[in-house]
Amino acid sequence: MSDDLSDEIEKCLAILDENMDVLTNLEFDLDDEKEDELTPDMDLHNLLDMTEDVAESAKLKRAEMNFTRRQSEDSL
């Protein structure tokens, strides 16, 4: 029983180690969001471009999280 527990703990530590980059990037992204500022008097086309960029960024982040989740599930 203790061997099973130690194996499970090792698996959990390996998953955390593999995902450390993702967690670190998430921390940096949150810090970057604090620095984001809106520019007053932007043209409509600039706002639309910015909206598209944000949507693409969100899709990429979601894809990265799903990929990481699948990798962690496959390693178990």
Protein backbone atom coordinates (compact mmCIF):
# COMPACT_ATOMS: atom_id res chain seq x y z
CA MET A 1 0.00 0.00 0.00
CA SER A 2 2.81 2.43 0.84
CA ASP A 3 4.47 1.69 -2.53
CA ASP A 4 1.22 2.65 -4.30
CA LEU A 5 1.04 5.88 -2.34
CA SER A 6 4.64 6.81 -3.09
CA ASP A 7 4.08 6.04 -6.78
CA GLU A 8 1.02 8.31 -6.84
CA ILE A 9 2.93 11.08 -5.07
CA GLU A 10 5.75 10.76 -7.61
CA LYS A 11 3.22 11.00 -10.46
CA CYS A 12 1.67 14.13 -8.92
CA LEU A 13 5.09 15.75 -8.49
CA ALA A 14 5.96 14.90 -12.09
CA ILE A 15 2.74 16.51 -13.33
CA LEU A 16 3.45 19.63 -11.28
CA ASP A 17 6.99 19.74 -12.60
CA GLU A 18 5.79 19.39 -16.20
CA ASN A 19 3.26 22.18 -15.74
CA MET A 20 5.55 24.58 -13.91
CA ASP A 21 6.16 26.51 -17.15
CA VAL A 22 2.42 26.90 -17.68
CA LEU A 23 1.95 28.15 -14.14
CA THR A 24 4.87 30.56 -14.48
CA ASN A 25 3.53 31.88 -17.80
CA LEU A 26 0.14 32.36 -16.19
CA GLU A 27 1.75 34.44 -13.46
CA PHE A 28 3.54 36.60 -16.05
CA ASP A 29 0.33 36.98 -18.07
CA LEU A 30 -1.51 38.22 -15.00
CA ASP A 31 1.26 40.74 -14.33
CA ASP A 32 1.14 41.88 -17.97
CA GLU A 33 -2.62 42.44 -17.74
CA LYS A 34 -2.04 44.91 -14.92
CA GLU A 35 0.12 46.96 -17.26
CA ASP A 36 -2.39 47.00 -20.13
CA GLU A 37 -3.87 50.40 -20.73
CA LEU A 38 -6.57 51.56 -23.10
CA THR A 39 -5.69 54.40 -25.40
CA PRO A 40 -8.40 57.06 -25.40
CA ASP A 41 -9.92 58.26 -28.67
CA MET A 42 -9.12 55.09 -30.62
CA ASP A 43 -10.62 54.68 -34.07
CA LEU A 44 -13.29 52.04 -34.57
CA HIS A 45 -11.08 49.91 -36.82
CA ASN A 46 -8.35 49.89 -34.13
CA LEU A 47 -10.87 48.71 -31.54
CA LEU A 48 -12.07 45.96 -33.89
CA ASP A 49 -8.49 44.84 -34.55
CA MET A 50 -7.77 44.79 -30.84
CA THR A 51 -10.93 42.74 -30.21
CA GLU A 52 -9.87 40.18 -32.81
CA ASP A 53 -6.39 39.97 -31.25
CA VAL A 54 -7.87 39.35 -27.80
CA ALA A 55 -10.18 36.65 -29.16
CA GLU A 56 -7.29 34.90 -30.92
CA SER A 57 -5.17 35.10 -27.79
CA ALA A 58 -7.96 33.57 -25.70
CA LYS A 59 -8.35 30.73 -28.19
CA LEU A 60 -4.62 30.02 -28.10
CA LYS A 61 -4.54 30.01 -24.31
CA ARG A 62 -7.55 27.67 -24.20
CA ALA A 63 -5.85 25.35 -26.70
CA GLU A 64 -2.66 25.32 -24.62
CA MET A 65 -4.60 24.52 -21.45
CA ASN A 66 -6.52 21.71 -23.18
CA PHE A 67 -3.30 20.28 -24.59
CA THR A 68 -1.63 20.37 -21.19
CA ARG A 69 -4.66 18.77 -19.57
CA ARG A 70 -4.67 15.95 -22.15
CA GLN A 71 -0.95 15.37 -21.65
CA SER A 72 -1.37 15.15 -17.89
CA GLU A 73 -4.30 12.76 -18.26
CA ASP A 74 -2.33 10.57 -20.66
CA SER A 75 0.61 10.38 -18.26
CA LEU A 76 -1.60 8.89 -15.56
